[in-house]
Protein backbone atom coordinates (compact mmCIF):
# COMPACT_ATOMS: atom_id res chain seq x y z
CA MET A 1 0.00 0.00 0.00
CA LYS A 2 1.33 3.43 -0.86
CA LYS A 3 2.19 5.44 2.22
CA LYS A 4 1.18 9.04 2.57
CA THR A 5 2.18 11.93 4.76
CA LYS A 6 -0.37 14.27 6.30
CA LEU A 7 0.07 17.49 8.25
CA LEU A 8 -2.54 18.22 10.88
CA LEU A 9 -2.69 20.86 13.58
CA SER A 10 -4.90 21.73 16.48
CA THR A 11 -5.77 25.36 15.95
CA PHE A 12 -4.58 26.29 19.43
CA THR A 13 -6.42 23.60 20.71
CA ILE A 14 -8.81 23.40 22.26
CA SER A 15 -10.85 20.60 23.68
CA LEU A 16 -7.52 20.48 25.40
CA LEU A 17 -7.49 21.08 29.15
CA MET A 18 -10.95 20.05 30.27
CA SER A 19 -10.11 16.45 31.06
CA GLN A 20 -7.09 17.34 33.23
CA PRO A 21 -7.46 20.90 34.57
CA LEU A 22 -4.56 22.64 36.25
CA LEU A 23 -4.69 22.66 40.02
CA ALA A 24 -4.93 25.86 41.99
CA GLU A 25 -2.39 24.58 44.47
CA ASP A 26 0.16 24.19 41.67
CA THR A 27 0.24 27.93 41.07
CA LEU A 28 -0.50 29.31 44.51
CA THR A 29 3.02 29.00 45.87
CA GLU A 30 5.09 31.57 47.67
CA ASN A 31 7.50 31.49 44.75
CA ASN A 32 5.06 32.41 42.05
CA VAL A 33 1.86 33.96 43.44
CA SER A 34 3.03 37.54 43.00
CA GLU A 35 4.55 36.75 39.64
CA ALA A 36 1.39 35.06 38.35
CA GLY A 37 -0.74 37.98 39.38
CA SER A 38 1.40 40.47 37.49
CA LYS A 39 2.10 38.59 34.28
CA ASP A 40 1.61 40.51 31.06
CA ILE A 41 -0.66 39.22 28.35
CA VAL A 42 1.20 36.98 25.87
CA TYR A 43 0.19 37.18 22.19
CA ILE A 44 1.05 34.22 19.95
CA PRO A 45 0.43 34.49 16.19
CA TYR A 46 0.39 31.23 14.25
CA VAL A 47 -0.14 29.82 10.75
CA PHE A 48 -0.83 26.26 9.62
CA SER A 49 -2.20 24.15 6.79
CA THR A 50 -4.27 20.97 7.18
CA ASP A 51 -6.53 18.79 5.05
CA SER A 52 -9.60 19.99 6.98
CA THR A 53 -8.85 23.72 7.11
CA GLY A 54 -6.58 24.61 4.21
CA PHE A 55 -4.02 27.36 4.80
CA ALA A 56 -5.05 29.34 7.87
CA GLY A 57 -3.75 31.51 10.64
CA GLY A 58 -4.72 33.38 13.73
CA VAL A 59 -3.58 34.97 16.93
CA GLY A 60 -3.82 33.55 20.44
CA VAL A 61 -3.78 35.36 23.76
CA ILE A 62 -2.70 33.84 27.08
CA LYS A 63 -3.22 35.66 30.38
CA LYS A 64 -2.01 34.18 33.66
CA GLY A 65 -3.33 35.65 36.89
CA PHE A 66 -6.64 36.62 35.28
CA LEU A 67 -9.12 37.63 38.04
CA GLN A 68 -7.26 35.39 40.51
CA PRO A 69 -3.52 34.59 40.76
CA GLN A 70 -3.94 30.91 39.79
CA VAL A 71 -6.32 31.50 36.86
CA THR A 72 -5.21 31.03 33.25
CA ALA A 73 -7.31 32.56 30.44
CA ILE A 74 -6.84 31.68 26.76
CA ALA A 75 -8.52 33.10 23.64
CA THR A 76 -7.88 32.91 19.92
CA LEU A 77 -9.44 33.86 16.58
CA PHE A 78 -8.56 32.03 13.36
CA TYR A 79 -9.37 32.35 9.65
CA GLY A 80 -8.46 30.37 6.55
CA ALA A 81 -7.98 30.91 2.85
CA GLU A 82 -10.84 30.04 0.49
CA GLN A 83 -10.93 26.39 -0.61
CA ASP A 84 -12.63 24.60 -3.48
CA ILE A 85 -15.05 21.99 -2.14
CA ILE A 86 -17.75 19.66 -3.45
CA THR A 87 -21.03 19.56 -1.52
CA ASN A 88 -23.83 17.20 -2.53
CA GLY A 89 -22.19 16.77 -5.93
CA GLN A 90 -21.93 20.53 -6.58
CA GLU A 91 -18.73 22.58 -6.76
CA ASP A 92 -18.48 25.36 -4.21
CA THR A 93 -16.01 27.33 -2.08
CA ALA A 94 -15.65 27.73 1.69
CA ASN A 95 -13.11 28.84 4.25
CA PHE A 96 -12.15 27.88 7.77
CA ALA A 97 -13.09 30.40 10.48
CA GLY A 98 -13.89 30.61 14.15
CA GLY A 99 -12.84 31.45 17.66
CA PHE A 100 -12.09 29.86 21.00
CA ALA A 101 -12.03 31.04 24.61
CA ALA A 102 -11.29 29.35 27.92
CA ILE A 103 -10.73 30.04 31.60
CA PHE A 104 -9.18 27.53 33.98
CA ASP A 105 -9.04 27.07 37.77
CA TYR A 106 -11.24 29.90 38.97
CA VAL A 107 -11.99 29.42 42.66
CA VAL A 108 -15.74 29.89 43.06
CA PRO A 109 -16.37 32.85 45.43
CA GLY A 110 -17.37 31.79 48.91
CA THR A 111 -15.52 28.47 48.61
CA GLU A 112 -11.93 27.40 49.14
CA ARG A 113 -11.80 24.10 47.27
CA LEU A 114 -14.25 24.38 44.36
CA LEU A 115 -12.56 25.14 41.03
CA LEU A 116 -14.41 26.25 37.89
CA SER A 117 -13.12 25.87 34.33
CA ALA A 118 -15.00 26.68 31.12
CA VAL A 119 -14.15 26.21 27.44
CA GLY A 120 -16.02 27.14 24.26
CA MET A 121 -15.37 27.11 20.54
CA LYS A 122 -17.37 28.06 17.47
CA SER A 123 -15.88 27.12 14.10
CA TYR A 124 -16.61 26.25 10.48
CA PHE A 125 -14.56 23.62 8.61
CA PRO A 126 -14.52 23.39 4.80
CA LYS A 127 -13.42 19.72 4.72
CA ALA A 128 -14.02 18.06 8.08
CA ARG A 129 -13.49 14.30 8.15
CA TYR A 130 -15.56 11.85 10.23
CA TYR A 131 -15.48 8.05 10.51
CA ILE A 132 -19.21 7.63 11.15
CA PHE A 133 -20.08 4.34 9.44
CA ASP A 134 -16.89 2.32 8.83
CA HIS A 135 -14.96 2.72 12.06
CA LYS A 136 -14.17 -0.73 13.48
CA ASN A 137 -10.70 -2.14 14.08
CA ASN A 138 -10.60 -3.77 10.62
CA SER A 139 -12.26 -0.88 8.75
CA ASN A 140 -11.03 0.85 5.59
CA GLU A 141 -9.32 4.19 6.16
CA ASN A 142 -10.87 5.62 2.96
CA ASP A 143 -14.46 5.06 4.09
CA TYR A 144 -14.91 8.44 5.74
CA VAL A 145 -17.41 11.28 5.55
CA GLU A 146 -15.90 14.52 4.23
CA THR A 147 -18.04 17.61 4.54
CA SER A 148 -18.10 21.29 5.24
CA GLY A 149 -20.01 22.36 8.31
CA ASP A 150 -20.04 23.76 11.82
CA SER A 151 -18.07 22.27 14.68
CA ASP A 152 -19.01 23.91 18.00
CA PHE A 153 -18.66 22.89 21.62
CA ALA A 154 -18.91 24.20 25.16
CA PHE A 155 -17.76 22.59 28.42
CA ILE A 156 -18.09 23.71 32.01
CA ASN A 157 -16.23 21.85 34.71
CA PHE A 158 -16.56 21.94 38.53
CA ARG A 159 -13.84 20.18 40.52
CA TYR A 160 -13.78 19.92 44.30
CA VAL A 161 -10.37 19.25 45.88
CA LEU A 162 -10.84 16.96 48.86
CA PRO A 163 -9.29 17.98 52.23
CA MET A 164 -6.68 15.21 52.17
CA GLY A 165 -3.07 14.92 51.07
CA ASP A 166 -1.32 18.17 50.13
CA GLY A 167 -4.27 19.64 48.25
CA LEU A 168 -5.10 23.26 48.94
CA ASP A 169 -4.08 22.84 52.57
CA ASN A 170 -0.44 23.30 51.58
CA PRO A 171 -0.03 26.97 50.62
CA GLU A 172 3.66 26.49 49.94
CA GLY A 173 2.89 24.04 47.13
CA HIS A 174 4.65 20.77 46.44
CA TYR A 175 7.36 22.03 44.10
CA THR A 176 9.20 25.11 42.98
CA LEU A 177 10.12 25.92 39.40
CA LYS A 178 13.45 26.57 37.76
CA ASN A 179 13.80 26.93 33.98
CA GLY A 180 10.30 25.60 33.47
CA PHE A 181 10.38 22.32 35.37
CA ALA A 182 10.13 21.07 38.93
CA VAL A 183 12.98 21.46 41.36
CA GLY A 184 12.85 19.75 44.75
CA ARG A 185 15.00 19.34 47.78
CA GLU A 186 17.41 17.17 45.80
CA GLY A 187 17.50 18.95 42.44
CA TYR A 188 15.90 18.55 39.03
CA GLY A 189 13.50 15.65 39.10
CA GLY A 190 15.69 13.72 41.52
CA GLY A 191 15.43 12.49 45.05
CA LYS A 192 12.31 11.59 46.99
CA PRO A 193 8.74 12.51 46.01
CA PHE A 194 7.45 15.78 47.46
CA VAL A 195 3.75 14.97 47.59
CA THR A 196 1.21 12.69 49.18
CA GLY A 197 -1.27 13.37 46.42
CA ARG A 198 -4.32 15.48 45.69
CA THR A 199 -7.74 13.95 45.13
CA GLY A 200 -10.70 15.63 43.48
CA ILE A 201 -14.28 14.84 42.53
CA GLY A 202 -16.12 16.69 39.82
CA LEU A 203 -19.04 17.28 37.53
CA SER A 204 -18.81 18.52 33.95
CA GLY A 205 -21.50 19.64 31.56
CA PHE A 206 -20.92 19.38 27.82
CA TYR A 207 -22.57 20.48 24.59
CA GLU A 208 -21.28 19.58 21.10
CA HIS A 209 -22.72 20.40 17.68
CA ASN A 210 -21.47 19.21 14.28
CA SER A 211 -23.30 19.82 11.00
CA PHE A 212 -22.80 17.89 7.74
CA GLU A 213 -23.52 19.85 4.57
CA ASN A 214 -22.50 16.98 2.28
CA TYR A 215 -25.45 14.79 3.27
CA ILE A 216 -27.05 13.43 0.05
CA ALA A 217 -27.05 9.61 0.11
CA PRO A 218 -24.00 8.07 -1.59
CA THR A 219 -26.25 5.88 -3.82
CA THR A 220 -26.78 9.03 -5.93
CA GLY A 221 -23.06 9.19 -6.75
CA VAL A 222 -22.04 11.68 -4.04
CA ASP A 223 -18.65 10.74 -2.55
CA HIS A 224 -17.98 10.67 1.20
CA SER A 225 -21.46 11.92 2.15
CA SER A 226 -23.12 11.50 5.54
CA GLY A 227 -25.96 9.49 3.99
CA GLY A 228 -28.77 11.85 4.99
CA LEU A 229 -27.39 12.86 8.39
CA GLU A 230 -27.38 16.68 8.49
CA LYS A 231 -26.17 17.25 12.05
CA TRP A 232 -25.12 15.45 15.22
CA ASP A 233 -25.81 17.24 18.49
CA THR A 234 -24.97 15.81 21.88
CA ASN A 235 -25.10 17.12 25.43
CA GLY A 236 -24.92 15.68 28.90
CA LEU A 237 -22.91 15.31 32.09
CA ARG A 238 -19.63 13.74 33.16
CA PHE A 239 -18.97 12.51 36.70
CA PHE A 240 -15.37 11.91 37.72
CA VAL A 241 -12.89 11.27 40.50
CA ASP A 242 -9.17 11.83 40.04
CA HIS A 243 -5.93 11.68 41.98
CA ASP A 244 -2.59 13.37 41.20
CA ASN A 245 0.59 12.33 42.97
CA THR A 246 3.07 13.96 40.56
CA ASP A 247 5.57 16.71 41.22
CA TYR A 248 4.57 19.10 38.41
CA ASP A 249 1.36 18.78 36.42
CA LEU A 250 2.61 20.48 33.22
CA ASN A 251 5.67 18.25 32.89
CA PRO A 252 5.73 15.50 35.57
CA SER A 253 9.04 13.85 36.42
CA ARG A 254 7.79 11.28 38.95
CA GLY A 255 4.67 9.93 40.57
CA TYR A 256 1.33 8.89 39.13
CA GLN A 257 -2.14 10.12 38.19
CA PHE A 258 -5.42 8.33 37.65
CA LYS A 259 -8.95 9.31 36.66
CA LEU A 260 -12.24 7.42 36.59
CA GLN A 261 -15.02 9.11 34.59
CA TYR A 262 -18.57 8.30 33.48
CA SER A 263 -20.18 10.31 30.66
CA LYS A 264 -23.90 10.28 29.94
CA ASP A 265 -26.03 11.92 27.24
CA PHE A 266 -29.62 11.86 28.51
CA ALA A 267 -31.12 12.76 25.09
CA TRP A 268 -32.08 16.21 26.33
CA GLY A 269 -33.08 18.90 23.83
CA ASP A 270 -31.64 18.48 20.33
CA SER A 271 -29.45 15.51 21.22
CA VAL A 272 -29.52 12.85 18.49
CA GLN A 273 -29.78 10.01 20.99
CA SER A 274 -28.77 8.94 24.48
CA TRP A 275 -25.43 7.19 25.11
CA ASP A 276 -22.94 6.51 27.87
CA PHE A 277 -19.23 5.75 28.34
CA LEU A 278 -17.17 4.62 31.34
CA GLU A 279 -13.41 5.16 31.19
CA PHE A 280 -10.30 4.82 33.33
CA LYS A 281 -6.87 6.40 32.80
CA TYR A 282 -3.60 5.83 34.66
CA ASN A 283 -0.33 7.72 34.06
CA HIS A 284 3.01 6.87 35.66
CA TYR A 285 6.32 8.75 35.58
CA VAL A 286 9.80 7.42 36.43
CA ASP A 287 12.78 9.71 36.95
CA LEU A 288 15.86 8.32 35.16
CA PRO A 289 19.56 9.21 35.42
CA THR A 290 20.65 12.09 33.21
CA PHE A 291 23.38 12.21 30.57
CA SER A 292 26.08 14.84 30.25
CA PHE A 293 23.93 16.69 27.68
CA THR A 294 20.52 16.43 29.43
CA GLN A 295 18.96 18.10 32.46
CA GLN A 296 16.11 15.62 32.93
CA ASN A 297 15.29 12.14 31.61
CA ILE A 298 11.82 10.70 32.23
CA LEU A 299 10.03 7.47 31.33
CA ALA A 300 6.34 8.43 30.98
CA MET A 301 3.69 5.74 30.59
CA SER A 302 -0.06 5.89 30.13
CA PHE A 303 -2.88 3.32 30.07
CA TRP A 304 -6.50 4.05 29.08
CA THR A 305 -9.54 1.83 28.69
CA GLY A 306 -13.29 2.27 28.40
CA TYR A 307 -16.64 0.74 27.56
CA SER A 308 -20.03 2.00 26.31
CA PHE A 309 -22.84 0.00 27.92
CA SER A 310 -25.51 1.70 25.82
CA TRP A 311 -24.11 1.09 22.30
CA GLU A 312 -26.27 -1.37 20.35
CA ARG A 313 -24.25 -2.69 17.44
CA GLY A 314 -26.19 -2.96 14.18
CA ASP A 315 -25.97 -2.22 10.46
CA ASP A 316 -22.76 -0.30 9.76
CA LEU A 317 -24.58 1.76 7.09
CA VAL A 318 -26.70 3.50 9.73
CA ILE A 319 -25.92 5.04 13.09
CA ALA A 320 -26.11 2.33 15.74
CA ALA A 321 -28.62 3.01 18.49
CA HIS A 322 -27.22 4.75 21.56
CA ARG A 323 -23.66 4.90 20.28
CA PRO A 324 -21.52 7.93 21.21
CA PRO A 325 -20.60 10.38 18.44
CA PRO A 326 -17.36 9.60 16.56
CA TRP A 327 -15.46 12.18 18.64
CA GLU A 328 -16.65 10.72 21.98
CA GLY A 329 -16.44 7.34 23.69
CA GLY A 330 -13.96 4.60 22.83
CA ARG A 331 -12.06 6.07 19.91
CA LEU A 332 -8.43 5.96 18.79
CA GLY A 333 -6.45 8.05 16.33
CA GLY A 334 -5.34 11.66 16.43
CA MET A 335 -3.10 13.94 18.46
CA PHE A 336 -3.68 12.25 21.85
CA ARG A 337 -3.94 8.47 21.33
CA MET A 338 -2.58 6.50 18.34
CA ARG A 339 -0.91 9.48 16.69
CA GLY A 340 0.04 7.44 13.60
CA TYR A 341 -3.63 7.39 12.48
CA ASN A 342 -6.26 9.92 11.40
CA THR A 343 -8.34 11.69 14.03
CA ASP A 344 -10.96 9.33 15.55
CA ARG A 345 -9.97 6.70 13.00
CA PHE A 346 -11.30 3.77 15.10
CA SER A 347 -14.27 3.63 17.48
CA ASP A 348 -16.36 0.91 19.09
CA LYS A 349 -18.03 -0.16 22.34
CA ALA A 350 -14.77 -1.20 24.04
CA VAL A 351 -11.28 0.28 23.84
CA VAL A 352 -7.83 -0.30 25.31
CA TYR A 353 -4.70 1.81 24.79
CA GLY A 354 -1.16 1.99 26.14
CA THR A 355 1.89 4.12 25.42
CA ALA A 356 5.39 4.80 26.68
CA GLU A 357 7.48 7.94 26.08
CA TYR A 358 11.15 8.59 26.79
CA ARG A 359 11.43 12.34 27.47
CA ALA A 360 14.80 14.11 27.68
CA ILE A 361 15.22 17.83 28.40
CA LEU A 362 18.40 19.02 26.71
CA ASP A 363 21.12 21.21 28.17
CA TRP A 364 21.23 22.89 24.76
CA ASN A 365 18.66 25.67 24.32
CA PRO A 366 19.56 28.46 21.85
CA PHE A 367 16.17 30.14 22.42
CA ARG A 368 16.35 30.74 26.17
CA LYS A 369 17.66 34.30 25.88
CA ASN A 370 16.87 35.09 22.25
CA ASP A 371 15.62 38.63 21.57
CA TYR A 372 14.00 37.47 18.31
CA ILE A 373 11.62 35.05 20.04
CA PRO A 374 8.49 36.84 21.35
CA VAL A 375 7.96 34.36 24.23
CA ALA A 376 10.29 32.75 26.76
CA ILE A 377 11.51 29.25 25.78
CA ASP A 378 12.54 27.63 29.07
CA TRP A 379 13.61 24.25 27.70
CA LEU A 380 13.68 21.91 24.70
CA GLN A 381 12.63 18.29 25.10
CA VAL A 382 13.29 15.39 22.72
CA VAL A 383 10.87 12.46 22.94
CA GLY A 384 10.60 8.98 21.48
CA PHE A 385 7.32 7.07 21.87
CA VAL A 386 5.49 3.86 21.00
CA GLU A 387 1.72 3.28 21.14
CA ALA A 388 -0.63 0.29 20.97
CA GLY A 389 -4.42 0.21 20.94
CA ARG A 390 -7.53 -1.67 19.88
CA VAL A 391 -11.31 -1.17 19.70
CA ASN A 392 -13.82 -4.01 19.81
CA ASP A 393 -17.55 -4.72 20.06
CA THR A 394 -17.15 -6.58 23.36
CA TYR A 395 -14.86 -6.13 26.35
CA ASN A 396 -12.86 -9.36 26.29
CA THR A 397 -9.42 -10.76 25.41
CA ASP A 398 -9.96 -9.87 21.74
CA LEU A 399 -8.87 -6.36 22.74
CA LEU A 400 -5.34 -7.72 23.10
CA GLN A 401 -5.27 -9.35 19.64
CA ASP A 402 -4.72 -7.72 16.25
CA MET A 403 -3.78 -4.46 17.97
CA LYS A 404 -2.75 -1.33 16.08
CA PHE A 405 0.75 0.03 16.68
CA ASP A 406 2.70 3.16 15.87
CA VAL A 407 6.03 4.72 16.76
CA GLY A 408 7.16 8.32 16.69
CA VAL A 409 9.44 11.12 17.76
CA SER A 410 8.61 14.55 19.12
CA LEU A 411 10.24 17.91 19.75
CA ARG A 412 8.71 19.87 22.62
CA ALA A 413 9.34 23.26 24.20
CA MET A 414 8.17 25.09 27.28
CA ALA A 415 7.02 28.37 25.69
CA ALA A 416 5.41 31.07 27.84
CA GLU A 417 5.10 28.44 30.58
CA VAL A 418 3.04 26.17 28.28
CA PRO A 419 4.44 22.93 26.75
CA ILE A 420 4.16 22.96 22.95
CA ARG A 421 4.82 19.78 20.99
CA VAL A 422 5.42 18.70 17.40
CA ASP A 423 4.85 14.94 17.08
CA VAL A 424 5.68 12.76 14.07
CA ALA A 425 4.15 9.25 14.18
CA TYR A 426 4.26 6.29 11.80
CA GLY A 427 1.59 3.58 11.61
CA ASP A 428 0.53 1.08 8.96
CA GLU A 429 -1.68 3.73 7.27
CA GLY A 430 1.02 6.37 6.84
CA VAL A 431 2.77 9.19 8.66
CA ASN A 432 1.10 11.96 10.61
CA PHE A 433 2.45 15.26 11.94
CA TRP A 434 0.71 16.87 14.89
CA VAL A 435 1.22 20.32 16.44
CA MET A 436 -0.41 20.73 19.84
CA VAL A 437 -0.13 22.33 23.26
CA PHE A 438 0.43 20.36 26.48
CA GLN A 439 1.76 16.84 26.97
CA PRO A 440 -0.41 14.12 25.37
CA PHE A 441 -1.21 12.34 28.67
CA ASP A 442 -3.10 15.41 29.91
CA PHE A 443 -6.18 14.38 27.94
């Protein structure tokens, strides 16, 4: 099979932090409270080109210490060049456009432990790609829906930090920062753990809307249509409990994290149908000896699994009853899990996924004090990774057979106190490039 290379980019992105919000105690330390409250606004212009958006660009704004010292606010607007498209068999033109805004870790007034985060995006894609009908583990990568249309979402997240472990009871925090990563009593990422862990429980509300303008049934000769489906709306609630025993949430060097979450669409309002999904994630970090040319070497591992009790498998040419949308539930492929495959390439009732990354922060950093770079680059990190995953219609040992694999390398940087990564991954369907903010295990 002929291999192909694709370039894809998250526009600043975006569904990003909701599944692993920053913790107020991580920023409310005696070393950085005053600094966080006085930080200037950082402006980040960007350009990119993807199959779904065409050539596009925008400007992002990051403000730390917004309203409260620990709060981070992010906003961006983006716009793309006009593209030639085909909708329902007719030639047309369209362009990518939209905006995004988010606020993270706002302590609700009158409380000490309740954190609020909110994210919203409104966008229009000229050539969005969805694996709606042929999505199983043995499916054909060319059987996708390609359409122009809206892609909007809004999330609101409430997280209560339990009064146990370090949590918010430790105003000094569990680490200090030097050059963008954690420093403890025994140096960079070395020595004994600082923390006993922080546990939270939470409730999230979500709303997602995707429209499909290329909807005429494919029997009429229309390629990659949605077969009569003109939109897919979903909304509901997520219930979760999580625990973080790492030394630094943005770039952990030791410890572990886990999260158990149940998502439920109750078929309220315009929701297409009800569905549910139960998932569990565990991350583990091991501090390794450094080399003469590195400041920090970390083995980072992640395991994720889930199951949809509601999904009723049926004819692949129609939407199965009570299945999650293609971008929800047990799916693999994209910038977070199985990076060697297209976004949401595989989905089914059951899923299992595992990955390991070797992360090395280099001594070499020509950008640290560079007047030509508009933001501070604290470090450069080189990463090698391997991933394995599988979806299946039942949760059994078949999940461990005929698994998909990919390997890749990544270059990452701590820019304006935010990790930015460029990942290159190879799987049996080609090579993918991903540009994204934050480490992949944060999602």
